[in-house]
């Protein structure tokens, strides 16, 4: 897909998201992956990537989700609020939101990403969804975000809380480990990736140096929670994990 083809398809995407842009260039920018930008730059064509929009979208998403949780769940403790937000804005959830509106079909990708199933990569979809949020915010303000994409996200918030997925998995795991004096539980960051504004941490939960769980997250704390959640399954804590 190129810019000409994208221009033709924009109304279909706007129908999917329930919002019509006044400034179409914002929408096209949100759909432009850095691989396409680099490819065009080699041909002396300037098509900015969606990375700056993604940076803004991350903040828009965080404040809108935080506001929703604060206003609709006044009895939820701060720690649970943070865990609900983390579950809702994680890469897995964002890529699912993007898939729901068929966002991958509208992305401008370089040849390499196009041939390596880039339209289905969770990281690319999640980043594009954040960029799209920012584009809507810049074009129509917070109210436009609230009326278009936010209902999809807040429905996930409601589901997370309804299913009780607000537990502190690290504390649950620590309580189990403490039943065996002498056992040592630690969390080790084994890798990092992505730009500073969208960093991903890869963490292992280790019991006496043996790996019992692995997790990823946009912060070390989130990655540790996911690693602990996986580790709990080894102890038969499927309901909690």
C-alpha atoms as a PDB file:
ATOM      1  CA  UNK A   1       0.000   0.000   0.000  1.00  0.00           C
ATOM      2  CA  UNK A   2       1.165   3.560  -0.757  1.00  0.00           C
ATOM      3  CA  UNK A   3      -0.212   7.032   0.035  1.00  0.00           C
ATOM      4  CA  UNK A   4      -2.475   7.050  -3.022  1.00  0.00           C
ATOM      5  CA  UNK A   5      -4.099   3.745  -2.069  1.00  0.00           C
ATOM      6  CA  UNK A   6      -4.360   4.865   1.548  1.00  0.00           C
ATOM      7  CA  UNK A   7      -6.224   8.045   0.564  1.00  0.00           C
ATOM      8  CA  UNK A   8      -8.842   5.870  -1.106  1.00  0.00           C
ATOM      9  CA  UNK A   9      -9.218   3.608   1.939  1.00  0.00           C
ATOM     10  CA  UNK A  10      -9.344   6.246   4.682  1.00  0.00           C
ATOM     11  CA  UNK A  11     -13.167   6.540   4.739  1.00  0.00           C
ATOM     12  CA  UNK A  12     -13.421   2.812   5.447  1.00  0.00           C
ATOM     13  CA  UNK A  13     -11.077   3.104   8.422  1.00  0.00           C
ATOM     14  CA  UNK A  14     -12.929   6.160   9.699  1.00  0.00           C
ATOM     15  CA  UNK A  15     -16.098   4.097   9.609  1.00  0.00           C
ATOM     16  CA  UNK A  16     -14.399   1.378  11.675  1.00  0.00           C
ATOM     17  CA  UNK A  17     -13.288   3.828  14.360  1.00  0.00           C
ATOM     18  CA  UNK A  18     -16.429   5.946  14.347  1.00  0.00           C
ATOM     19  CA  UNK A  19     -14.637   9.223  13.728  1.00  0.00           C
ATOM     20  CA  UNK A  20     -14.133  11.372  10.647  1.00  0.00           C
ATOM     21  CA  UNK A  21     -10.944  13.422  10.547  1.00  0.00           C
ATOM     22  CA  UNK A  22     -10.914  17.069   9.594  1.00  0.00           C
ATOM     23  CA  UNK A  23      -7.152  16.863   9.015  1.00  0.00           C
ATOM     24  CA  UNK A  24      -6.538  13.675   7.040  1.00  0.00           C
ATOM     25  CA  UNK A  25      -2.773  14.160   7.251  1.00  0.00           C
ATOM     26  CA  UNK A  26      -2.917  13.343  10.972  1.00  0.00           C
ATOM     27  CA  UNK A  27      -4.582  10.033  10.235  1.00  0.00           C
ATOM     28  CA  UNK A  28      -2.088   9.174   7.492  1.00  0.00           C
ATOM     29  CA  UNK A  29       0.773  10.052   9.810  1.00  0.00           C
ATOM     30  CA  UNK A  30      -0.636   7.706  12.469  1.00  0.00           C
ATOM     31  CA  UNK A  31      -0.650   4.873   9.941  1.00  0.00           C
ATOM     32  CA  UNK A  32       2.931   5.373   8.739  1.00  0.00           C
ATOM     33  CA  UNK A  33       5.371   2.881  10.240  1.00  0.00           C
ATOM     34  CA  UNK A  34       9.015   3.859  10.542  1.00  0.00           C
ATOM     35  CA  UNK A  35       9.990   1.138   8.051  1.00  0.00           C
ATOM     36  CA  UNK A  36       7.944   2.928   5.369  1.00  0.00           C
ATOM     37  CA  UNK A  37       9.430   6.279   6.341  1.00  0.00           C
ATOM     38  CA  UNK A  38      12.962   4.926   5.986  1.00  0.00           C
ATOM     39  CA  UNK A  39      12.150   3.334   2.647  1.00  0.00           C
ATOM     40  CA  UNK A  40      10.708   6.568   1.294  1.00  0.00           C
ATOM     41  CA  UNK A  41      13.608   8.585   2.667  1.00  0.00           C
ATOM     42  CA  UNK A  42      15.977   6.520   0.520  1.00  0.00           C
ATOM     43  CA  UNK A  43      13.986   7.848  -2.443  1.00  0.00           C
ATOM     44  CA  UNK A  44      14.182  11.438  -1.134  1.00  0.00           C
ATOM     45  CA  UNK A  45      10.477  11.403  -0.195  1.00  0.00           C
ATOM     46  CA  UNK A  46       9.529  12.690   3.247  1.00  0.00           C
ATOM     47  CA  UNK A  47       6.722  10.796   4.979  1.00  0.00           C
ATOM     48  CA  UNK A  48       7.108  11.198   8.780  1.00  0.00           C
ATOM     49  CA  UNK A  49       6.595   8.051  10.840  1.00  0.00           C
ATOM     50  CA  UNK A  50       4.023   7.638  13.598  1.00  0.00           C
ATOM     51  CA  UNK A  51       6.624   7.507  16.399  1.00  0.00           C
ATOM     52  CA  UNK A  52       5.952  11.034  17.698  1.00  0.00           C
ATOM     53  CA  UNK A  53       2.211  10.432  17.639  1.00  0.00           C
ATOM     54  CA  UNK A  54       2.770   7.150  19.452  1.00  0.00           C
ATOM     55  CA  UNK A  55       4.621   9.052  22.189  1.00  0.00           C
ATOM     56  CA  UNK A  56       1.668  11.395  22.658  1.00  0.00           C
ATOM     57  CA  UNK A  57      -0.861   8.579  22.356  1.00  0.00           C
ATOM     58  CA  UNK A  58       0.758   6.707  25.221  1.00  0.00           C
ATOM     59  CA  UNK A  59       0.072   9.682  27.495  1.00  0.00           C
ATOM     60  CA  UNK A  60      -3.447  10.228  26.156  1.00  0.00           C
ATOM     61  CA  UNK A  61      -4.260   6.579  26.755  1.00  0.00           C
ATOM     62  CA  UNK A  62      -2.859   6.628  30.283  1.00  0.00           C
ATOM     63  CA  UNK A  63      -4.755   9.729  31.390  1.00  0.00           C
ATOM     64  CA  UNK A  64      -8.056   8.675  29.818  1.00  0.00           C
ATOM     65  CA  UNK A  65      -7.938   5.174  31.312  1.00  0.00           C
ATOM     66  CA  UNK A  66      -6.831   6.557  34.680  1.00  0.00           C
ATOM     67  CA  UNK A  67      -9.686   9.074  34.654  1.00  0.00           C
ATOM     68  CA  UNK A  68     -12.213   6.376  33.784  1.00  0.00           C
ATOM     69  CA  UNK A  69     -11.032   4.085  36.593  1.00  0.00           C
ATOM     70  CA  UNK A  70     -10.986   6.961  39.085  1.00  0.00           C
ATOM     71  CA  UNK A  71     -14.494   8.164  38.251  1.00  0.00           C
ATOM     72  CA  UNK A  72     -16.233   4.798  37.799  1.00  0.00           C
ATOM     73  CA  UNK A  73     -14.571   2.760  40.560  1.00  0.00           C
ATOM     74  CA  UNK A  74     -14.314   5.114  43.566  1.00  0.00           C
ATOM     75  CA  UNK A  75     -13.715   2.254  46.029  1.00  0.00           C
ATOM     76  CA  UNK A  76     -10.830   0.664  44.115  1.00  0.00           C
ATOM     77  CA  UNK A  77      -7.504   0.987  46.004  1.00  0.00           C
ATOM     78  CA  UNK A  78      -4.614   2.763  44.292  1.00  0.00           C
ATOM     79  CA  UNK A  79      -2.606  -0.426  43.849  1.00  0.00           C
ATOM     80  CA  UNK A  80      -5.512  -2.167  42.124  1.00  0.00           C
ATOM     81  CA  UNK A  81      -6.089   0.922  39.974  1.00  0.00           C
ATOM     82  CA  UNK A  82      -2.508   0.700  38.733  1.00  0.00           C
ATOM     83  CA  UNK A  83      -2.795  -3.001  37.963  1.00  0.00           C
ATOM     84  CA  UNK A  84      -6.068  -2.530  36.071  1.00  0.00           C
ATOM     85  CA  UNK A  85      -4.526   0.244  34.010  1.00  0.00           C
ATOM     86  CA  UNK A  86      -1.426  -1.847  33.289  1.00  0.00           C
ATOM     87  CA  UNK A  87      -3.558  -4.773  32.124  1.00  0.00           C
ATOM     88  CA  UNK A  88      -5.572  -2.492  29.873  1.00  0.00           C
ATOM     89  CA  UNK A  89      -2.732  -0.593  28.196  1.00  0.00           C
ATOM     90  CA  UNK A  90      -0.344  -3.513  27.724  1.00  0.00           C
ATOM     91  CA  UNK A  91       0.831  -4.494  24.241  1.00  0.00           C
ATOM     92  CA  UNK A  92      -1.399  -7.559  24.138  1.00  0.00           C
ATOM     93  CA  UNK A  93      -4.550  -5.561  24.859  1.00  0.00           C
ATOM     94  CA  UNK A  94      -3.655  -2.687  22.524  1.00  0.00           C
ATOM     95  CA  UNK A  95      -2.876  -5.016  19.636  1.00  0.00           C
ATOM     96  CA  UNK A  96      -6.261  -6.677  20.180  1.00  0.00           C
ATOM     97  CA  UNK A  97      -8.007  -3.286  20.087  1.00  0.00           C
ATOM     98  CA  UNK A  98      -6.146  -2.553  16.841  1.00  0.00           C
ATOM     99  CA  UNK A  99      -7.209  -5.875  15.355  1.00  0.00           C
ATOM    100  CA  UNK A 100     -10.833  -5.194  16.271  1.00  0.00           C
ATOM    101  CA  UNK A 101     -10.845  -2.149  13.991  1.00  0.00           C
ATOM    102  CA  UNK A 102      -8.745  -3.901  11.310  1.00  0.00           C
ATOM    103  CA  UNK A 103      -5.999  -1.322  11.747  1.00  0.00           C
ATOM    104  CA  UNK A 104      -3.285  -3.557  10.322  1.00  0.00           C
ATOM    105  CA  UNK A 105      -4.898  -3.495   6.880  1.00  0.00           C
ATOM    106  CA  UNK A 106      -4.396   0.271   6.642  1.00  0.00           C
ATOM    107  CA  UNK A 107      -0.768   0.565   7.762  1.00  0.00           C
ATOM    108  CA  UNK A 108       1.981   1.872   5.521  1.00  0.00           C
ATOM    109  CA  UNK A 109       4.878  -0.564   5.926  1.00  0.00           C
ATOM    110  CA  UNK A 110       8.281  -0.955   4.350  1.00  0.00           C
ATOM    111  CA  UNK A 111       8.900  -3.977   2.143  1.00  0.00           C
ATOM    112  CA  UNK A 112      10.662  -5.915   4.911  1.00  0.00           C
ATOM    113  CA  UNK A 113       7.824  -5.561   7.395  1.00  0.00           C
ATOM    114  CA  UNK A 114       5.260  -6.199   4.667  1.00  0.00           C
ATOM    115  CA  UNK A 115       6.819  -9.535   3.774  1.00  0.00           C
ATOM    116  CA  UNK A 116       7.332 -10.588   7.400  1.00  0.00           C
ATOM    117  CA  UNK A 117       3.679 -10.296   8.436  1.00  0.00           C
ATOM    118  CA  UNK A 118       4.164  -6.839   9.940  1.00  0.00           C
ATOM    119  CA  UNK A 119       0.448  -6.121   9.688  1.00  0.00           C
ATOM    120  CA  UNK A 120      -0.162  -8.780  12.339  1.00  0.00           C
ATOM    121  CA  UNK A 121       2.753  -8.030  14.680  1.00  0.00           C
ATOM    122  CA  UNK A 122       1.430  -7.114  18.136  1.00  0.00           C
ATOM    123  CA  UNK A 123       4.127  -4.476  18.699  1.00  0.00           C
ATOM    124  CA  UNK A 124       3.379  -2.678  15.419  1.00  0.00           C
ATOM    125  CA  UNK A 125      -0.372  -2.852  15.975  1.00  0.00           C
ATOM    126  CA  UNK A 126      -0.120  -1.602  19.564  1.00  0.00           C
ATOM    127  CA  UNK A 127       2.097   1.314  18.552  1.00  0.00           C
ATOM    128  CA  UNK A 128      -0.211   2.240  15.672  1.00  0.00           C
ATOM    129  CA  UNK A 129      -3.237   2.166  17.975  1.00  0.00           C
ATOM    130  CA  UNK A 130      -1.551   4.635  20.335  1.00  0.00           C
ATOM    131  CA  UNK A 131      -0.620   6.837  17.376  1.00  0.00           C
ATOM    132  CA  UNK A 132      -4.223   6.734  16.188  1.00  0.00           C
ATOM    133  CA  UNK A 133      -5.454   7.813  19.614  1.00  0.00           C
ATOM    134  CA  UNK A 134      -3.080  10.774  19.496  1.00  0.00           C
ATOM    135  CA  UNK A 135      -4.219  11.711  15.996  1.00  0.00           C
ATOM    136  CA  UNK A 136      -7.859  11.715  17.096  1.00  0.00           C
ATOM    137  CA  UNK A 137      -6.925  13.764  20.166  1.00  0.00           C
ATOM    138  CA  UNK A 138      -5.111  16.390  18.091  1.00  0.00           C
ATOM    139  CA  UNK A 139      -7.870  16.527  15.499  1.00  0.00           C
ATOM    140  CA  UNK A 140     -10.916  16.567  17.746  1.00  0.00           C
ATOM    141  CA  UNK A 141      -9.788  16.793  21.358  1.00  0.00           C
ATOM    142  CA  UNK A 142     -10.435  14.524  24.327  1.00  0.00           C
ATOM    143  CA  UNK A 143     -14.158  14.357  23.563  1.00  0.00           C
ATOM    144  CA  UNK A 144     -13.415  12.781  20.183  1.00  0.00           C
ATOM    145  CA  UNK A 145     -11.285  10.118  21.872  1.00  0.00           C
ATOM    146  CA  UNK A 146     -14.024   9.489  24.444  1.00  0.00           C
ATOM    147  CA  UNK A 147     -16.704   9.010  21.799  1.00  0.00           C
ATOM    148  CA  UNK A 148     -14.693   6.896  19.333  1.00  0.00           C
ATOM    149  CA  UNK A 149     -12.033   4.514  20.629  1.00  0.00           C
ATOM    150  CA  UNK A 150     -12.274   4.893  24.395  1.00  0.00           C
ATOM    151  CA  UNK A 151     -15.418   2.715  24.781  1.00  0.00           C
ATOM    152  CA  UNK A 152     -13.454  -0.263  23.439  1.00  0.00           C
ATOM    153  CA  UNK A 153     -10.775   0.305  26.055  1.00  0.00           C
ATOM    154  CA  UNK A 154     -13.069   0.972  29.006  1.00  0.00           C
ATOM    155  CA  UNK A 155     -14.972  -2.219  28.207  1.00  0.00           C
ATOM    156  CA  UNK A 156     -11.665  -4.024  28.835  1.00  0.00           C
ATOM    157  CA  UNK A 157     -11.263  -2.149  32.121  1.00  0.00           C
ATOM    158  CA  UNK A 158     -14.717  -3.297  33.215  1.00  0.00           C
ATOM    159  CA  UNK A 159     -13.908  -6.884  32.232  1.00  0.00           C
ATOM    160  CA  UNK A 160     -10.613  -6.890  34.121  1.00  0.00           C
ATOM    161  CA  UNK A 161     -12.317  -5.667  37.279  1.00  0.00           C
ATOM    162  CA  UNK A 162     -15.311  -7.970  36.854  1.00  0.00           C
ATOM    163  CA  UNK A 163     -13.064 -11.022  36.554  1.00  0.00           C
ATOM    164  CA  UNK A 164     -10.981  -9.970  39.543  1.00  0.00           C
ATOM    165  CA  UNK A 165      -7.752  -9.641  37.595  1.00  0.00           C
ATOM    166  CA  UNK A 166      -6.430  -6.975  39.956  1.00  0.00           C
ATOM    167  CA  UNK A 167      -4.378  -9.202  42.207  1.00  0.00           C
ATOM    168  CA  UNK A 168      -0.785  -8.511  43.220  1.00  0.00           C
ATOM    169  CA  UNK A 169       0.781 -11.660  41.781  1.00  0.00           C
ATOM    170  CA  UNK A 170       4.183 -10.940  43.310  1.00  0.00           C
ATOM    171  CA  UNK A 171       2.700 -10.865  46.810  1.00  0.00           C
ATOM    172  CA  UNK A 172       0.730 -14.057  46.197  1.00  0.00           C
ATOM    173  CA  UNK A 173       3.845 -15.828  44.944  1.00  0.00           C
ATOM    174  CA  UNK A 174       5.957 -14.538  47.839  1.00  0.00           C
ATOM    175  CA  UNK A 175       3.408 -15.857  50.334  1.00  0.00           C
ATOM    176  CA  UNK A 176       3.722 -19.325  48.824  1.00  0.00           C
ATOM    177  CA  UNK A 177       7.528 -19.256  48.714  1.00  0.00           C
ATOM    178  CA  UNK A 178       7.737 -18.158  52.342  1.00  0.00           C
ATOM    179  CA  UNK A 179       6.151 -21.449  53.387  1.00  0.00           C
ATOM    180  CA  UNK A 180       9.497 -23.104  52.589  1.00  0.00           C
ATOM    181  CA  UNK A 181      12.167 -21.380  54.704  1.00  0.00           C
ATOM    182  CA  UNK A 182      15.456 -20.932  52.900  1.00  0.00           C
ATOM    183  CA  UNK A 183      14.007 -20.658  49.399  1.00  0.00           C
ATOM    184  CA  UNK A 184      15.114 -17.542  47.548  1.00  0.00           C
ATOM    185  CA  UNK A 185      12.814 -15.787  45.060  1.00  0.00           C
ATOM    186  CA  UNK A 186      14.222 -13.081  42.796  1.00  0.00           C
ATOM    187  CA  UNK A 187      13.297 -11.220  39.633  1.00  0.00           C
ATOM    188  CA  UNK A 188      15.945 -10.704  36.975  1.00  0.00           C
ATOM    189  CA  UNK A 189      15.697  -8.421  33.942  1.00  0.00           C
ATOM    190  CA  UNK A 190      17.062 -10.514  31.072  1.00  0.00           C
ATOM    191  CA  UNK A 191      16.433  -8.101  28.211  1.00  0.00           C
ATOM    192  CA  UNK A 192      15.081  -4.766  27.065  1.00  0.00           C
ATOM    193  CA  UNK A 193      13.877  -3.443  23.716  1.00  0.00           C
ATOM    194  CA  UNK A 194      12.244  -0.451  22.084  1.00  0.00           C
ATOM    195  CA  UNK A 195      12.726   3.319  22.296  1.00  0.00           C
ATOM    196  CA  UNK A 196      12.685   5.098  25.644  1.00  0.00           C
ATOM    197  CA  UNK A 197       9.104   6.285  25.184  1.00  0.00           C
ATOM    198  CA  UNK A 198       7.904   2.744  24.518  1.00  0.00           C
ATOM    199  CA  UNK A 199      10.346   0.480  26.306  1.00  0.00           C
ATOM    200  CA  UNK A 200       9.710  -3.221  26.936  1.00  0.00           C
ATOM    201  CA  UNK A 201      11.335  -5.195  29.755  1.00  0.00           C
ATOM    202  CA  UNK A 202      11.784  -8.979  29.773  1.00  0.00           C
ATOM    203  CA  UNK A 203      11.970 -10.496  33.247  1.00  0.00           C
ATOM    204  CA  UNK A 204      12.396 -13.934  34.770  1.00  0.00           C
ATOM    205  CA  UNK A 205      11.124 -15.040  38.168  1.00  0.00           C
ATOM    206  CA  UNK A 206      13.738 -17.350  39.655  1.00  0.00           C
ATOM    207  CA  UNK A 207      13.406 -19.671  42.622  1.00  0.00           C
ATOM    208  CA  UNK A 208      16.791 -20.771  43.944  1.00  0.00           C
ATOM    209  CA  UNK A 209      18.271 -19.692  40.577  1.00  0.00           C
ATOM    210  CA  UNK A 210      15.768 -21.802  38.587  1.00  0.00           C
ATOM    211  CA  UNK A 211      13.432 -19.991  36.182  1.00  0.00           C
ATOM    212  CA  UNK A 212       9.805 -20.506  37.218  1.00  0.00           C
ATOM    213  CA  UNK A 213       8.154 -17.729  35.225  1.00  0.00           C
ATOM    214  CA  UNK A 214       8.767 -15.201  32.463  1.00  0.00           C
ATOM    215  CA  UNK A 215       7.062 -11.882  31.840  1.00  0.00           C
ATOM    216  CA  UNK A 216       7.193  -8.761  29.710  1.00  0.00           C
ATOM    217  CA  UNK A 217       5.967  -5.247  30.419  1.00  0.00           C
ATOM    218  CA  UNK A 218       6.476  -1.577  29.741  1.00  0.00           C
ATOM    219  CA  UNK A 219       7.996  -1.179  33.182  1.00  0.00           C
ATOM    220  CA  UNK A 220      10.080  -3.492  35.343  1.00  0.00           C
ATOM    221  CA  UNK A 221       7.196  -3.746  37.812  1.00  0.00           C
ATOM    222  CA  UNK A 222       4.751  -4.839  35.115  1.00  0.00           C
ATOM    223  CA  UNK A 223       7.201  -7.419  33.767  1.00  0.00           C
ATOM    224  CA  UNK A 224       7.723  -8.810  37.276  1.00  0.00           C
ATOM    225  CA  UNK A 225       3.964  -9.063  37.831  1.00  0.00           C
ATOM    226  CA  UNK A 226       3.573 -11.046  34.606  1.00  0.00           C
ATOM    227  CA  UNK A 227       6.468 -13.326  35.530  1.00  0.00           C
ATOM    228  CA  UNK A 228       4.940 -13.951  38.957  1.00  0.00           C
ATOM    229  CA  UNK A 229       1.563 -14.649  37.357  1.00  0.00           C
ATOM    230  CA  UNK A 230       3.118 -17.341  35.169  1.00  0.00           C
ATOM    231  CA  UNK A 231       5.043 -18.801  38.106  1.00  0.00           C
ATOM    232  CA  UNK A 232       1.876 -19.144  40.202  1.00  0.00           C
ATOM    233  CA  UNK A 233       0.558 -21.699  37.725  1.00  0.00           C
ATOM    234  CA  UNK A 234       3.396 -24.028  38.689  1.00  0.00           C
ATOM    235  CA  UNK A 235       2.014 -24.039  42.224  1.00  0.00           C
ATOM    236  CA  UNK A 236      -1.506 -24.848  41.102  1.00  0.00           C
ATOM    237  CA  UNK A 237      -2.734 -21.292  41.594  1.00  0.00           C
ATOM    238  CA  UNK A 238      -4.619 -21.239  38.289  1.00  0.00           C
ATOM    239  CA  UNK A 239      -7.525 -19.302  39.719  1.00  0.00           C
ATOM    240  CA  UNK A 240      -5.230 -16.557  40.978  1.00  0.00           C
ATOM    241  CA  UNK A 241      -3.040 -16.564  37.875  1.00  0.00           C
END
